[in-house]
Amino acid sequence: MAKIRRGEKHKQIAEIILKAADEGRFLTVTEIHAGLPYGCAYGSLRKIIKLFEERDWITKERAGMSVLIKPNMLLYQWFR
């Protein structure tokens, strides 16, 4: 298994996901992208989201035409 890194961008994305979850909301990739404090291509964000999913830090859940990103306990443990 590759070394798990927690870069600044990973931390910022995790904080957006966790803040929304603390408020009782789950976000789509578009909503996460809109909350980023830096410019980022959707492909880059999707790659990080995929990494989070591979690490079991998040779960994706279909909600109609959208996919919601839900944090798992591991995301809280790694980023809080």
PDB file of N, CA and C in Angstrom:
ATOM      1  N   MET A   1       0.842  -1.176   0.000  1.00  0.00           N
ATOM      2  CA  MET A   1       0.000   0.000   0.000  1.00  0.00           C
ATOM      3  C   MET A   1       0.890   1.244   0.000  1.00  0.00           C
ATOM      4  N   ALA A   2       0.521   2.213  -0.776  1.00  0.00           N
ATOM      5  CA  ALA A   2       1.297   3.442  -0.887  1.00  0.00           C
ATOM      6  C   ALA A   2       1.210   4.239   0.418  1.00  0.00           C
ATOM      7  N   LYS A   3       2.229   5.038   0.653  1.00  0.00           N
ATOM      8  CA  LYS A   3       2.266   5.881   1.834  1.00  0.00           C
ATOM      9  C   LYS A   3       1.111   6.878   1.780  1.00  0.00           C
ATOM     10  N   ILE A   4       0.433   7.036   2.893  1.00  0.00           N
ATOM     11  CA  ILE A   4      -0.689   7.960   2.951  1.00  0.00           C
ATOM     12  C   ILE A   4      -0.160   9.348   3.292  1.00  0.00           C
ATOM     13  N   ARG A   5      -0.426  10.299   2.401  1.00  0.00           N
ATOM     14  CA  ARG A   5       0.008  11.673   2.598  1.00  0.00           C
ATOM     15  C   ARG A   5      -1.202  12.544   2.903  1.00  0.00           C
ATOM     16  N   ARG A   6      -0.957  13.528   3.720  1.00  0.00           N
ATOM     17  CA  ARG A   6      -1.995  14.502   4.036  1.00  0.00           C
ATOM     18  C   ARG A   6      -1.465  15.873   3.678  1.00  0.00           C
ATOM     19  N   GLY A   7      -1.554  16.194   2.407  1.00  0.00           N
ATOM     20  CA  GLY A   7      -1.097  17.493   1.941  1.00  0.00           C
ATOM     21  C   GLY A   7      -2.096  18.585   2.290  1.00  0.00           C
ATOM     22  N   GLU A   8      -1.691  19.813   2.040  1.00  0.00           N
ATOM     23  CA  GLU A   8      -2.548  20.953   2.354  1.00  0.00           C
ATOM     24  C   GLU A   8      -3.866  20.904   1.568  1.00  0.00           C
ATOM     25  N   LYS A   9      -3.806  20.514   0.298  1.00  0.00           N
ATOM     26  CA  LYS A   9      -5.036  20.438  -0.502  1.00  0.00           C
ATOM     27  C   LYS A   9      -5.949  19.333   0.001  1.00  0.00           C
ATOM     28  N   HIS A  10      -5.368  18.204   0.405  1.00  0.00           N
ATOM     29  CA  HIS A  10      -6.175  17.117   0.971  1.00  0.00           C
ATOM     30  C   HIS A  10      -6.884  17.607   2.228  1.00  0.00           C
ATOM     31  N   LYS A  11      -6.150  18.341   3.056  1.00  0.00           N
ATOM     32  CA  LYS A  11      -6.707  18.850   4.300  1.00  0.00           C
ATOM     33  C   LYS A  11      -7.844  19.834   4.028  1.00  0.00           C
ATOM     34  N   GLN A  12      -7.674  20.723   3.056  1.00  0.00           N
ATOM     35  CA  GLN A  12      -8.713  21.702   2.744  1.00  0.00           C
ATOM     36  C   GLN A  12      -9.980  21.022   2.234  1.00  0.00           C
ATOM     37  N   ILE A  13      -9.829  20.015   1.392  1.00  0.00           N
ATOM     38  CA  ILE A  13     -10.985  19.284   0.870  1.00  0.00           C
ATOM     39  C   ILE A  13     -11.682  18.534   1.995  1.00  0.00           C
ATOM     40  N   ALA A  14     -10.894  17.878   2.856  1.00  0.00           N
ATOM     41  CA  ALA A  14     -11.473  17.152   3.989  1.00  0.00           C
ATOM     42  C   ALA A  14     -12.236  18.098   4.904  1.00  0.00           C
ATOM     43  N   GLU A  15     -11.690  19.277   5.163  1.00  0.00           N
ATOM     44  CA  GLU A  15     -12.364  20.241   6.035  1.00  0.00           C
ATOM     45  C   GLU A  15     -13.697  20.695   5.452  1.00  0.00           C
ATOM     46  N   ILE A  16     -13.762  20.879   4.146  1.00  0.00           N
ATOM     47  CA  ILE A  16     -15.030  21.265   3.507  1.00  0.00           C
ATOM     48  C   ILE A  16     -16.064  20.160   3.698  1.00  0.00           C
ATOM     49  N   ILE A  17     -15.655  18.922   3.471  1.00  0.00           N
ATOM     50  CA  ILE A  17     -16.558  17.772   3.620  1.00  0.00           C
ATOM     51  C   ILE A  17     -17.014  17.632   5.066  1.00  0.00           C
ATOM     52  N   LEU A  18     -16.071  17.731   6.009  1.00  0.00           N
ATOM     53  CA  LEU A  18     -16.396  17.536   7.421  1.00  0.00           C
ATOM     54  C   LEU A  18     -17.241  18.673   7.981  1.00  0.00           C
ATOM     55  N   LYS A  19     -16.974  19.900   7.567  1.00  0.00           N
ATOM     56  CA  LYS A  19     -17.771  21.037   8.045  1.00  0.00           C
ATOM     57  C   LYS A  19     -19.229  20.882   7.624  1.00  0.00           C
ATOM     58  N   ALA A  20     -19.436  20.512   6.363  1.00  0.00           N
ATOM     59  CA  ALA A  20     -20.809  20.315   5.875  1.00  0.00           C
ATOM     60  C   ALA A  20     -21.488  19.176   6.629  1.00  0.00           C
ATOM     61  N   ALA A  21     -20.757  18.082   6.866  1.00  0.00           N
ATOM     62  CA  ALA A  21     -21.332  16.939   7.593  1.00  0.00           C
ATOM     63  C   ALA A  21     -21.698  17.340   9.022  1.00  0.00           C
ATOM     64  N   ASP A  22     -20.869  18.167   9.652  1.00  0.00           N
ATOM     65  CA  ASP A  22     -21.177  18.649  11.003  1.00  0.00           C
ATOM     66  C   ASP A  22     -22.472  19.459  11.020  1.00  0.00           C
ATOM     67  N   GLU A  23     -22.782  20.097   9.891  1.00  0.00           N
ATOM     68  CA  GLU A  23     -24.014  20.887   9.758  1.00  0.00           C
ATOM     69  C   GLU A  23     -25.190  20.025   9.291  1.00  0.00           C
ATOM     70  N   GLY A  24     -24.944  18.727   9.091  1.00  0.00           N
ATOM     71  CA  GLY A  24     -26.006  17.819   8.669  1.00  0.00           C
ATOM     72  C   GLY A  24     -26.216  17.768   7.166  1.00  0.00           C
ATOM     73  N   ARG A  25     -25.225  18.235   6.396  1.00  0.00           N
ATOM     74  CA  ARG A  25     -25.337  18.236   4.938  1.00  0.00           C
ATOM     75  C   ARG A  25     -24.242  17.359   4.340  1.00  0.00           C
ATOM     76  N   PHE A  26     -24.535  16.787   3.187  1.00  0.00           N
ATOM     77  CA  PHE A  26     -23.535  16.071   2.408  1.00  0.00           C
ATOM     78  C   PHE A  26     -23.444  16.775   1.060  1.00  0.00           C
ATOM     79  N   LEU A  27     -22.238  16.888   0.547  1.00  0.00           N
ATOM     80  CA  LEU A  27     -21.986  17.709  -0.633  1.00  0.00           C
ATOM     81  C   LEU A  27     -21.746  16.874  -1.885  1.00  0.00           C
ATOM     82  N   THR A  28     -21.981  17.497  -3.023  1.00  0.00           N
ATOM     83  CA  THR A  28     -21.600  16.922  -4.305  1.00  0.00           C
ATOM     84  C   THR A  28     -20.200  17.411  -4.634  1.00  0.00           C
ATOM     85  N   VAL A  29     -19.577  16.835  -5.644  1.00  0.00           N
ATOM     86  CA  VAL A  29     -18.250  17.275  -6.063  1.00  0.00           C
ATOM     87  C   VAL A  29     -18.299  18.743  -6.504  1.00  0.00           C
ATOM     88  N   THR A  30     -19.370  19.144  -7.159  1.00  0.00           N
ATOM     89  CA  THR A  30     -19.522  20.534  -7.604  1.00  0.00           C
ATOM     90  C   THR A  30     -19.545  21.485  -6.409  1.00  0.00           C
ATOM     91  N   GLU A  31     -20.250  21.109  -5.353  1.00  0.00           N
ATOM     92  CA  GLU A  31     -20.320  21.953  -4.160  1.00  0.00           C
ATOM     93  C   GLU A  31     -18.966  22.020  -3.446  1.00  0.00           C
ATOM     94  N   ILE A  32     -18.262  20.901  -3.410  1.00  0.00           N
ATOM     95  CA  ILE A  32     -16.921  20.892  -2.822  1.00  0.00           C
ATOM     96  C   ILE A  32     -16.009  21.805  -3.630  1.00  0.00           C
ATOM     97  N   HIS A  33     -16.079  21.694  -4.956  1.00  0.00           N
ATOM     98  CA  HIS A  33     -15.258  22.515  -5.842  1.00  0.00           C
ATOM     99  C   HIS A  33     -15.523  23.999  -5.607  1.00  0.00           C
ATOM    100  N   ALA A  34     -16.784  24.362  -5.443  1.00  0.00           N
ATOM    101  CA  ALA A  34     -17.144  25.762  -5.223  1.00  0.00           C
ATOM    102  C   ALA A  34     -16.598  26.281  -3.886  1.00  0.00           C
ATOM    103  N   GLY A  35     -16.393  25.403  -2.915  1.00  0.00           N
ATOM    104  CA  GLY A  35     -15.908  25.816  -1.606  1.00  0.00           C
ATOM    105  C   GLY A  35     -14.405  25.872  -1.468  1.00  0.00           C
ATOM    106  N   LEU A  36     -13.687  25.467  -2.502  1.00  0.00           N
ATOM    107  CA  LEU A  36     -12.228  25.457  -2.419  1.00  0.00           C
ATOM    108  C   LEU A  36     -11.667  26.879  -2.407  1.00  0.00           C
ATOM    109  N   PRO A  37     -10.665  27.129  -1.561  1.00  0.00           N
ATOM    110  CA  PRO A  37     -10.085  28.472  -1.500  1.00  0.00           C
ATOM    111  C   PRO A  37      -9.030  28.716  -2.581  1.00  0.00           C
ATOM    112  N   TYR A  38      -8.833  27.753  -3.470  1.00  0.00           N
ATOM    113  CA  TYR A  38      -7.849  27.881  -4.540  1.00  0.00           C
ATOM    114  C   TYR A  38      -8.451  27.365  -5.836  1.00  0.00           C
ATOM    115  N   GLY A  39      -7.895  27.764  -6.967  1.00  0.00           N
ATOM    116  CA  GLY A  39      -8.359  27.292  -8.263  1.00  0.00           C
ATOM    117  C   GLY A  39      -7.945  25.843  -8.472  1.00  0.00           C
ATOM    118  N   CYS A  40      -8.861  25.042  -8.945  1.00  0.00           N
ATOM    119  CA  CYS A  40      -8.598  23.609  -9.090  1.00  0.00           C
ATOM    120  C   CYS A  40      -9.439  23.069 -10.246  1.00  0.00           C
ATOM    121  N   ALA A  41      -8.844  22.233 -11.071  1.00  0.00           N
ATOM    122  CA  ALA A  41      -9.590  21.579 -12.145  1.00  0.00           C
ATOM    123  C   ALA A  41     -10.458  20.482 -11.533  1.00  0.00           C
ATOM    124  N   TYR A  42     -11.615  20.235 -12.130  1.00  0.00           N
ATOM    125  CA  TYR A  42     -12.499  19.181 -11.637  1.00  0.00           C
ATOM    126  C   TYR A  42     -11.790  17.833 -11.625  1.00  0.00           C
ATOM    127  N   GLY A  43     -10.964  17.582 -12.642  1.00  0.00           N
ATOM    128  CA  GLY A  43     -10.245  16.307 -12.717  1.00  0.00           C
ATOM    129  C   GLY A  43      -9.325  16.097 -11.525  1.00  0.00           C
ATOM    130  N   SER A  44      -8.664  17.147 -11.089  1.00  0.00           N
ATOM    131  CA  SER A  44      -7.790  17.059  -9.917  1.00  0.00           C
ATOM    132  C   SER A  44      -8.595  16.772  -8.659  1.00  0.00           C
ATOM    133  N   LEU A  45      -9.714  17.463  -8.512  1.00  0.00           N
ATOM    134  CA  LEU A  45     -10.570  17.231  -7.356  1.00  0.00           C
ATOM    135  C   LEU A  45     -11.114  15.808  -7.366  1.00  0.00           C
ATOM    136  N   ARG A  46     -11.562  15.349  -8.515  1.00  0.00           N
ATOM    137  CA  ARG A  46     -12.094  13.983  -8.616  1.00  0.00           C
ATOM    138  C   ARG A  46     -11.030  12.943  -8.268  1.00  0.00           C
ATOM    139  N   LYS A  47      -9.784  13.219  -8.628  1.00  0.00           N
ATOM    140  CA  LYS A  47      -8.695  12.293  -8.305  1.00  0.00           C
ATOM    141  C   LYS A  47      -8.499  12.210  -6.782  1.00  0.00           C
ATOM    142  N   ILE A  48      -8.564  13.338  -6.104  1.00  0.00           N
ATOM    143  CA  ILE A  48      -8.433  13.340  -4.647  1.00  0.00           C
ATOM    144  C   ILE A  48      -9.634  12.652  -4.008  1.00  0.00           C
ATOM    145  N   ILE A  49     -10.832  12.908  -4.535  1.00  0.00           N
ATOM    146  CA  ILE A  49     -12.036  12.242  -4.022  1.00  0.00           C
ATOM    147  C   ILE A  49     -11.908  10.729  -4.199  1.00  0.00           C
ATOM    148  N   LYS A  50     -11.385  10.294  -5.339  1.00  0.00           N
ATOM    149  CA  LYS A  50     -11.175   8.863  -5.576  1.00  0.00           C
ATOM    150  C   LYS A  50     -10.179   8.289  -4.565  1.00  0.00           C
ATOM    151  N   LEU A  51      -9.112   9.019  -4.283  1.00  0.00           N
ATOM    152  CA  LEU A  51      -8.139   8.599  -3.279  1.00  0.00           C
ATOM    153  C   LEU A  51      -8.816   8.461  -1.915  1.00  0.00           C
ATOM    154  N   PHE A  52      -9.632   9.440  -1.543  1.00  0.00           N
ATOM    155  CA  PHE A  52     -10.362   9.378  -0.274  1.00  0.00           C
ATOM    156  C   PHE A  52     -11.242   8.129  -0.225  1.00  0.00           C
ATOM    157  N   GLU A  53     -11.893   7.824  -1.348  1.00  0.00           N
ATOM    158  CA  GLU A  53     -12.766   6.654  -1.406  1.00  0.00           C
ATOM    159  C   GLU A  53     -11.957   5.359  -1.288  1.00  0.00           C
ATOM    160  N   GLU A  54     -10.811   5.294  -1.950  1.00  0.00           N
ATOM    161  CA  GLU A  54      -9.953   4.111  -1.867  1.00  0.00           C
ATOM    162  C   GLU A  54      -9.444   3.876  -0.453  1.00  0.00           C
ATOM    163  N   ARG A  55      -9.239   4.942   0.294  1.00  0.00           N
ATOM    164  CA  ARG A  55      -8.751   4.850   1.676  1.00  0.00           C
ATOM    165  C   ARG A  55      -9.893   4.614   2.677  1.00  0.00           C
ATOM    166  N   ASP A  56     -11.121   4.517   2.175  1.00  0.00           N
ATOM    167  CA  ASP A  56     -12.324   4.363   3.006  1.00  0.00           C
ATOM    168  C   ASP A  56     -12.543   5.557   3.934  1.00  0.00           C
ATOM    169  N   TRP A  57     -12.114   6.733   3.494  1.00  0.00           N
ATOM    170  CA  TRP A  57     -12.339   7.951   4.246  1.00  0.00           C
ATOM    171  C   TRP A  57     -13.712   8.522   3.944  1.00  0.00           C
ATOM    172  N   ILE A  58     -14.256   8.209   2.761  1.00  0.00           N
ATOM    173  CA  ILE A  58     -15.576   8.696   2.358  1.00  0.00           C
ATOM    174  C   ILE A  58     -16.365   7.563   1.706  1.00  0.00           C
ATOM    175  N   THR A  59     -17.663   7.804   1.591  1.00  0.00           N
ATOM    176  CA  THR A  59     -18.560   6.916   0.865  1.00  0.00           C
ATOM    177  C   THR A  59     -19.342   7.783  -0.106  1.00  0.00           C
ATOM    178  N   LYS A  60     -19.518   7.283  -1.319  1.00  0.00           N
ATOM    179  CA  LYS A  60     -20.348   7.986  -2.294  1.00  0.00           C
ATOM    180  C   LYS A  60     -21.738   7.357  -2.269  1.00  0.00           C
ATOM    181  N   GLU A  61     -22.762   8.223  -2.308  1.00  0.00           N
ATOM    182  CA  GLU A  61     -24.139   7.746  -2.303  1.00  0.00           C
ATOM    183  C   GLU A  61     -24.932   8.483  -3.368  1.00  0.00           C
ATOM    184  N   ARG A  62     -25.607   7.732  -4.209  1.00  0.00           N
ATOM    185  CA  ARG A  62     -26.409   8.330  -5.270  1.00  0.00           C
ATOM    186  C   ARG A  62     -27.653   8.960  -4.672  1.00  0.00           C
ATOM    187  N   ALA A  63     -27.938  10.185  -5.109  1.00  0.00           N
ATOM    188  CA  ALA A  63     -29.133  10.921  -4.689  1.00  0.00           C
ATOM    189  C   ALA A  63     -29.747  11.526  -5.938  1.00  0.00           C
ATOM    190  N   GLY A  64     -30.607  10.768  -6.596  1.00  0.00           N
ATOM    191  CA  GLY A  64     -31.193  11.220  -7.853  1.00  0.00           C
ATOM    192  C   GLY A  64     -30.131  11.271  -8.932  1.00  0.00           C
ATOM    193  N   MET A  65     -29.946  12.435  -9.530  1.00  0.00           N
ATOM    194  CA  MET A  65     -28.942  12.602 -10.578  1.00  0.00           C
ATOM    195  C   MET A  65     -27.566  12.959 -10.003  1.00  0.00           C
ATOM    196  N   SER A  66     -27.482  13.167  -8.707  1.00  0.00           N
ATOM    197  CA  SER A  66     -26.238  13.590  -8.068  1.00  0.00           C
ATOM    198  C   SER A  66     -25.617  12.452  -7.263  1.00  0.00           C
ATOM    199  N   VAL A  67     -24.365  12.641  -6.904  1.00  0.00           N
ATOM    200  CA  VAL A  67     -23.668  11.727  -6.006  1.00  0.00           C
ATOM    201  C   VAL A  67     -23.192  12.541  -4.816  1.00  0.00           C
ATOM    202  N   LEU A  68     -23.614  12.121  -3.618  1.00  0.00           N
ATOM    203  CA  LEU A  68     -23.225  12.820  -2.403  1.00  0.00           C
ATOM    204  C   LEU A  68     -21.974  12.177  -1.812  1.00  0.00           C
ATOM    205  N   ILE A  69     -21.112  13.003  -1.279  1.00  0.00           N
ATOM    206  CA  ILE A  69     -19.882  12.556  -0.640  1.00  0.00           C
ATOM    207  C   ILE A  69     -20.131  12.565   0.864  1.00  0.00           C
ATOM    208  N   LYS A  70     -20.055  11.378   1.488  1.00  0.00           N
ATOM    209  CA  LYS A  70     -20.294  11.252   2.924  1.00  0.00           C
ATOM    210  C   LYS A  70     -19.008  10.830   3.623  1.00  0.00           C
ATOM    211  N   PRO A  71     -18.617  11.552   4.668  1.00  0.00           N
ATOM    212  CA  PRO A  71     -17.384  11.185   5.374  1.00  0.00           C
ATOM    213  C   PRO A  71     -17.579   9.946   6.244  1.00  0.00           C
ATOM    214  N   ASN A  72     -16.558   9.129   6.320  1.00  0.00           N
ATOM    215  CA  ASN A  72     -16.536   7.995   7.231  1.00  0.00           C
ATOM    216  C   ASN A  72     -15.719   8.403   8.457  1.00  0.00           C
ATOM    217  N   MET A  73     -15.749   7.597   9.495  1.00  0.00           N
ATOM    218  CA  MET A  73     -15.032   7.908  10.729  1.00  0.00           C
ATOM    219  C   MET A  73     -13.529   8.087  10.479  1.00  0.00           C
ATOM    220  N   LEU A  74     -12.974   7.349   9.517  1.00  0.00           N
ATOM    221  CA  LEU A  74     -11.541   7.470   9.235  1.00  0.00           C
ATOM    222  C   LEU A  74     -11.163   8.875   8.777  1.00  0.00           C
ATOM    223  N   LEU A  75     -12.047   9.550   8.054  1.00  0.00           N
ATOM    224  CA  LEU A  75     -11.753  10.919   7.616  1.00  0.00           C
ATOM    225  C   LEU A  75     -11.628  11.836   8.829  1.00  0.00           C
ATOM    226  N   TYR A  76     -12.527  11.668   9.797  1.00  0.00           N
ATOM    227  CA  TYR A  76     -12.441  12.449  11.030  1.00  0.00           C
ATOM    228  C   TYR A  76     -11.138  12.156  11.764  1.00  0.00           C
ATOM    229  N   GLN A  77     -10.763  10.893  11.837  1.00  0.00           N
ATOM    230  CA  GLN A  77      -9.558  10.516  12.568  1.00  0.00           C
ATOM    231  C   GLN A  77      -8.290  11.070  11.904  1.00  0.00           C
ATOM    232  N   TRP A  78      -8.255  11.099  10.578  1.00  0.00           N
ATOM    233  CA  TRP A  78      -7.059  11.560   9.869  1.00  0.00           C
ATOM    234  C   TRP A  78      -6.940  13.065   9.815  1.00  0.00           C
ATOM    235  N   PHE A  79      -8.067  13.766   9.786  1.00  0.00           N
ATOM    236  CA  PHE A  79      -8.013  15.205   9.533  1.00  0.00           C
ATOM    237  C   PHE A  79      -8.529  16.079  10.669  1.00  0.00           C
ATOM    238  N   ARG A  80      -8.835  15.502  11.801  1.00  0.00           N
ATOM    239  CA  ARG A  80      -9.269  16.339  12.937  1.00  0.00           C
ATOM    240  C   ARG A  80      -8.427  16.055  14.139  1.00  0.00           C
TER     241      ARG A  80
END
